[in-house]
Amino acid sequence: MAGPNLSIEELNSIKSHPIKFGHQFPFLSSIPSSLVTELSYFEEYSEDGGVGCLSVNGFGDVYQPVTVSLQFLMKEQIWKVKHVKIDHLSDYDRFYKQADCSK
């Protein structure tokens, strides 16, 4: 079964030509250039284990402080990304000190 808004042909094309992933999902492909150097990270999970959050502090490609936060949902025993947030911070003292599940 194809994913949301993707035909089976498009999914097969992405699998056989990984470079096409960046064209189909440009936001997710931008994360590696948004966070070049990892400094610290924080994880949190809901009590029932159905939601997980990860926030990673580090530097972007021009040494600006940045935090990338991801929210995951457990679906069919697989973690799936529900939300991604990239915060370009004004100063190093604004690095996150815990995982952020907000949107």
N, C-alpha and C. Protein backbone atom coordinates (compact mmCIF):
# COMPACT_ATOMS: atom_id res chain seq x y z
N MET A 1 0.84 -1.18 0.00
CA MET A 1 0.00 0.00 0.00
C MET A 1 0.88 1.24 0.00
N ALA A 2 0.58 2.21 -0.84
CA ALA A 2 1.36 3.44 -0.95
C ALA A 2 1.12 4.34 0.24
N GLY A 3 2.11 5.17 0.55
CA GLY A 3 1.99 6.14 1.64
C GLY A 3 1.09 7.28 1.22
N PRO A 4 0.85 8.22 2.14
CA PRO A 4 -0.02 9.35 1.84
C PRO A 4 0.49 10.13 0.63
N ASN A 5 -0.37 10.33 -0.35
CA ASN A 5 -0.08 11.11 -1.54
C ASN A 5 1.02 10.54 -2.43
N LEU A 6 1.44 9.32 -2.21
CA LEU A 6 2.46 8.71 -3.05
C LEU A 6 1.91 7.44 -3.69
N SER A 7 2.13 7.32 -4.98
CA SER A 7 1.70 6.10 -5.66
C SER A 7 2.73 5.01 -5.42
N ILE A 8 2.37 3.79 -5.72
CA ILE A 8 3.30 2.67 -5.60
C ILE A 8 4.50 2.89 -6.51
N GLU A 9 4.28 3.45 -7.70
CA GLU A 9 5.39 3.73 -8.62
C GLU A 9 6.35 4.74 -8.02
N GLU A 10 5.81 5.79 -7.37
CA GLU A 10 6.68 6.80 -6.74
C GLU A 10 7.49 6.19 -5.60
N LEU A 11 6.85 5.36 -4.78
CA LEU A 11 7.58 4.71 -3.68
C LEU A 11 8.69 3.82 -4.22
N ASN A 12 8.41 3.04 -5.25
CA ASN A 12 9.43 2.18 -5.84
C ASN A 12 10.57 3.00 -6.43
N SER A 13 10.24 4.13 -7.04
CA SER A 13 11.26 4.99 -7.61
C SER A 13 12.17 5.57 -6.53
N ILE A 14 11.59 5.98 -5.41
CA ILE A 14 12.38 6.51 -4.30
C ILE A 14 13.29 5.43 -3.73
N LYS A 15 12.76 4.22 -3.59
CA LYS A 15 13.57 3.11 -3.04
C LYS A 15 14.73 2.75 -3.97
N SER A 16 14.50 2.80 -5.27
CA SER A 16 15.55 2.40 -6.21
C SER A 16 16.53 3.54 -6.52
N HIS A 17 16.15 4.76 -6.21
CA HIS A 17 17.01 5.94 -6.45
C HIS A 17 16.96 6.83 -5.21
N PRO A 18 17.76 6.52 -4.17
CA PRO A 18 17.67 7.25 -2.90
C PRO A 18 17.83 8.76 -3.02
N ILE A 19 18.53 9.25 -4.05
CA ILE A 19 18.70 10.69 -4.20
C ILE A 19 17.35 11.39 -4.38
N LYS A 20 16.35 10.65 -4.87
CA LYS A 20 15.03 11.23 -5.08
C LYS A 20 14.30 11.49 -3.76
N PHE A 21 14.76 10.89 -2.68
CA PHE A 21 14.14 11.12 -1.37
C PHE A 21 14.14 12.61 -1.05
N GLY A 22 15.26 13.28 -1.30
CA GLY A 22 15.37 14.70 -1.00
C GLY A 22 14.43 15.56 -1.82
N HIS A 23 14.12 15.11 -3.03
CA HIS A 23 13.18 15.86 -3.85
C HIS A 23 11.75 15.66 -3.38
N GLN A 24 11.43 14.47 -2.91
CA GLN A 24 10.08 14.16 -2.46
C GLN A 24 9.82 14.71 -1.05
N PHE A 25 10.85 14.70 -0.20
CA PHE A 25 10.71 15.13 1.20
C PHE A 25 11.79 16.16 1.53
N PRO A 26 11.72 17.37 0.97
CA PRO A 26 12.82 18.33 1.15
C PRO A 26 13.04 18.74 2.60
N PHE A 27 11.98 18.83 3.41
CA PHE A 27 12.17 19.26 4.80
C PHE A 27 13.00 18.25 5.57
N LEU A 28 12.66 16.97 5.48
CA LEU A 28 13.43 15.95 6.19
C LEU A 28 14.86 15.89 5.69
N SER A 29 15.07 16.12 4.41
CA SER A 29 16.42 16.09 3.87
C SER A 29 17.26 17.26 4.35
N SER A 30 16.61 18.34 4.83
CA SER A 30 17.36 19.51 5.29
C SER A 30 17.88 19.35 6.71
N ILE A 31 17.41 18.37 7.47
CA ILE A 31 17.83 18.22 8.86
C ILE A 31 19.34 18.02 8.98
N PRO A 32 20.01 17.18 8.17
CA PRO A 32 21.46 17.02 8.35
C PRO A 32 22.25 18.32 8.18
N SER A 33 21.81 19.24 7.31
CA SER A 33 22.53 20.50 7.17
C SER A 33 22.12 21.51 8.23
N SER A 34 20.96 21.31 8.86
CA SER A 34 20.53 22.20 9.94
C SER A 34 21.27 21.90 11.23
N LEU A 35 21.63 20.65 11.45
CA LEU A 35 22.32 20.23 12.67
C LEU A 35 23.59 19.48 12.25
N VAL A 36 24.70 20.21 12.22
CA VAL A 36 25.96 19.63 11.75
C VAL A 36 26.73 18.97 12.88
N THR A 37 26.72 19.59 14.07
CA THR A 37 27.47 19.09 15.22
C THR A 37 26.52 18.90 16.40
N GLU A 38 26.43 17.68 16.92
CA GLU A 38 25.58 17.39 18.08
C GLU A 38 26.35 17.64 19.36
N LEU A 39 25.72 18.36 20.30
CA LEU A 39 26.33 18.62 21.60
C LEU A 39 25.67 17.84 22.73
N SER A 40 24.34 17.78 22.72
CA SER A 40 23.61 17.07 23.77
C SER A 40 22.23 16.70 23.24
N TYR A 41 21.59 15.76 23.94
CA TYR A 41 20.23 15.39 23.56
C TYR A 41 19.45 14.96 24.79
N PHE A 42 18.12 15.04 24.66
CA PHE A 42 17.20 14.66 25.74
C PHE A 42 16.06 13.86 25.14
N GLU A 43 15.64 12.80 25.85
CA GLU A 43 14.54 11.94 25.41
C GLU A 43 13.46 11.91 26.49
N GLU A 44 12.21 11.78 26.06
CA GLU A 44 11.09 11.56 26.98
C GLU A 44 10.10 10.62 26.32
N TYR A 45 9.39 9.86 27.14
CA TYR A 45 8.38 8.92 26.65
C TYR A 45 7.12 9.07 27.49
N SER A 46 5.96 8.90 26.86
CA SER A 46 4.71 8.90 27.62
C SER A 46 4.66 7.66 28.50
N GLU A 47 3.84 7.71 29.53
CA GLU A 47 3.74 6.57 30.46
C GLU A 47 3.32 5.29 29.75
N ASP A 48 2.44 5.41 28.76
CA ASP A 48 1.98 4.20 28.06
C ASP A 48 2.94 3.78 26.93
N GLY A 49 3.99 4.56 26.69
CA GLY A 49 4.96 4.21 25.67
C GLY A 49 4.52 4.50 24.25
N GLY A 50 3.42 5.21 24.08
CA GLY A 50 2.89 5.47 22.74
C GLY A 50 3.45 6.70 22.07
N VAL A 51 4.07 7.60 22.86
CA VAL A 51 4.63 8.84 22.31
C VAL A 51 6.05 9.00 22.84
N GLY A 52 6.95 9.38 21.99
CA GLY A 52 8.33 9.66 22.39
C GLY A 52 8.78 10.98 21.80
N CYS A 53 9.67 11.65 22.52
CA CYS A 53 10.20 12.93 22.06
C CYS A 53 11.71 12.93 22.17
N LEU A 54 12.36 13.58 21.24
CA LEU A 54 13.81 13.69 21.22
C LEU A 54 14.15 15.12 20.83
N SER A 55 14.98 15.79 21.64
CA SER A 55 15.50 17.11 21.30
C SER A 55 17.02 17.02 21.28
N VAL A 56 17.62 17.52 20.20
CA VAL A 56 19.07 17.47 20.01
C VAL A 56 19.59 18.90 19.88
N ASN A 57 20.53 19.27 20.75
CA ASN A 57 21.19 20.58 20.71
C ASN A 57 22.48 20.46 19.93
N GLY A 58 22.80 21.50 19.19
CA GLY A 58 24.07 21.49 18.47
C GLY A 58 24.27 22.76 17.68
N PHE A 59 25.13 22.65 16.67
CA PHE A 59 25.44 23.79 15.82
C PHE A 59 25.04 23.50 14.39
N GLY A 60 24.58 24.54 13.70
CA GLY A 60 24.28 24.44 12.29
C GLY A 60 25.55 24.59 11.46
N ASP A 61 25.37 24.73 10.16
CA ASP A 61 26.52 24.75 9.26
C ASP A 61 27.39 26.00 9.37
N VAL A 62 26.91 27.07 10.00
CA VAL A 62 27.74 28.26 10.23
C VAL A 62 27.88 28.51 11.74
N TYR A 63 27.88 27.45 12.50
CA TYR A 63 28.10 27.45 13.96
C TYR A 63 27.04 28.21 14.75
N GLN A 64 25.86 28.39 14.19
CA GLN A 64 24.79 28.99 14.96
C GLN A 64 24.15 27.91 15.83
N PRO A 65 23.75 28.26 17.08
CA PRO A 65 23.11 27.26 17.94
C PRO A 65 21.74 26.88 17.38
N VAL A 66 21.44 25.60 17.43
CA VAL A 66 20.18 25.09 16.90
C VAL A 66 19.73 23.90 17.75
N THR A 67 18.41 23.74 17.89
CA THR A 67 17.84 22.56 18.52
C THR A 67 16.84 21.94 17.56
N VAL A 68 16.99 20.65 17.31
CA VAL A 68 16.05 19.90 16.48
C VAL A 68 15.25 18.99 17.41
N SER A 69 13.92 19.13 17.37
CA SER A 69 13.05 18.32 18.22
C SER A 69 12.14 17.47 17.34
N LEU A 70 12.02 16.20 17.69
CA LEU A 70 11.16 15.28 16.96
C LEU A 70 10.18 14.63 17.91
N GLN A 71 8.95 14.49 17.47
CA GLN A 71 7.94 13.76 18.23
C GLN A 71 7.61 12.50 17.44
N PHE A 72 7.60 11.36 18.13
CA PHE A 72 7.34 10.07 17.51
C PHE A 72 6.07 9.45 18.09
N LEU A 73 5.36 8.70 17.27
CA LEU A 73 4.22 7.90 17.72
C LEU A 73 4.52 6.44 17.45
N MET A 74 4.14 5.57 18.38
CA MET A 74 4.30 4.13 18.18
C MET A 74 3.06 3.65 17.43
N LYS A 75 3.27 3.16 16.20
CA LYS A 75 2.18 2.63 15.38
C LYS A 75 2.62 1.28 14.86
N GLU A 76 1.83 0.27 15.14
CA GLU A 76 2.11 -1.09 14.67
C GLU A 76 3.53 -1.52 15.06
N GLN A 77 3.92 -1.18 16.28
CA GLN A 77 5.21 -1.52 16.88
C GLN A 77 6.40 -0.92 16.14
N ILE A 78 6.16 0.22 15.48
CA ILE A 78 7.22 0.96 14.79
C ILE A 78 7.10 2.43 15.17
N TRP A 79 8.23 3.06 15.52
CA TRP A 79 8.22 4.49 15.80
C TRP A 79 8.09 5.24 14.49
N LYS A 80 7.12 6.15 14.41
CA LYS A 80 6.92 6.97 13.22
C LYS A 80 6.98 8.44 13.63
N VAL A 81 7.65 9.25 12.82
CA VAL A 81 7.78 10.67 13.11
C VAL A 81 6.43 11.35 12.90
N LYS A 82 5.98 12.08 13.92
CA LYS A 82 4.73 12.82 13.80
C LYS A 82 5.00 14.30 13.56
N HIS A 83 6.03 14.84 14.23
CA HIS A 83 6.27 16.28 14.15
C HIS A 83 7.77 16.55 14.28
N VAL A 84 8.26 17.50 13.50
CA VAL A 84 9.66 17.92 13.58
C VAL A 84 9.68 19.44 13.74
N LYS A 85 10.53 19.92 14.64
CA LYS A 85 10.67 21.36 14.85
C LYS A 85 12.16 21.69 14.90
N ILE A 86 12.58 22.69 14.13
CA ILE A 86 13.96 23.15 14.15
C ILE A 86 13.96 24.58 14.67
N ASP A 87 14.63 24.80 15.80
CA ASP A 87 14.73 26.13 16.40
C ASP A 87 16.14 26.66 16.24
N HIS A 88 16.27 27.74 15.48
CA HIS A 88 17.55 28.44 15.38
C HIS A 88 17.59 29.42 16.54
N LEU A 89 18.52 29.22 17.45
CA LEU A 89 18.55 29.93 18.71
C LEU A 89 19.43 31.17 18.62
N SER A 90 19.09 32.19 19.42
CA SER A 90 19.85 33.44 19.40
C SER A 90 21.14 33.36 20.19
N ASP A 91 21.23 32.42 21.12
CA ASP A 91 22.43 32.31 21.95
C ASP A 91 22.54 30.90 22.51
N TYR A 92 23.76 30.55 22.93
CA TYR A 92 24.03 29.20 23.44
C TYR A 92 23.28 28.89 24.72
N ASP A 93 22.99 29.92 25.52
CA ASP A 93 22.28 29.67 26.78
C ASP A 93 20.82 29.30 26.57
N ARG A 94 20.37 29.33 25.33
CA ARG A 94 18.98 28.95 25.02
C ARG A 94 18.85 27.49 24.58
N PHE A 95 19.96 26.74 24.63
CA PHE A 95 19.85 25.31 24.33
C PHE A 95 18.82 24.67 25.24
N TYR A 96 18.07 23.70 24.71
CA TYR A 96 17.05 23.00 25.49
C TYR A 96 17.70 22.18 26.60
N LYS A 97 17.00 22.09 27.71
CA LYS A 97 17.49 21.32 28.85
C LYS A 97 16.63 20.09 29.11
N GLN A 98 15.65 19.87 28.24
CA GLN A 98 14.80 18.68 28.28
C GLN A 98 14.17 18.49 26.90
N ALA A 99 13.64 17.30 26.66
CA ALA A 99 12.98 17.03 25.38
C ALA A 99 11.73 17.88 25.26
N ASP A 100 11.45 18.33 24.05
CA ASP A 100 10.30 19.20 23.80
C ASP A 100 9.31 18.48 22.89
N CYS A 101 8.10 18.24 23.40
CA CYS A 101 7.05 17.59 22.61
C CYS A 101 6.04 18.59 22.05
N SER A 102 6.26 19.88 22.29
CA SER A 102 5.29 20.87 21.81
C SER A 102 5.40 21.03 20.30
N LYS A 103 4.38 21.62 19.74
CA LYS A 103 4.38 21.85 18.28
C LYS A 103 4.62 23.30 17.99
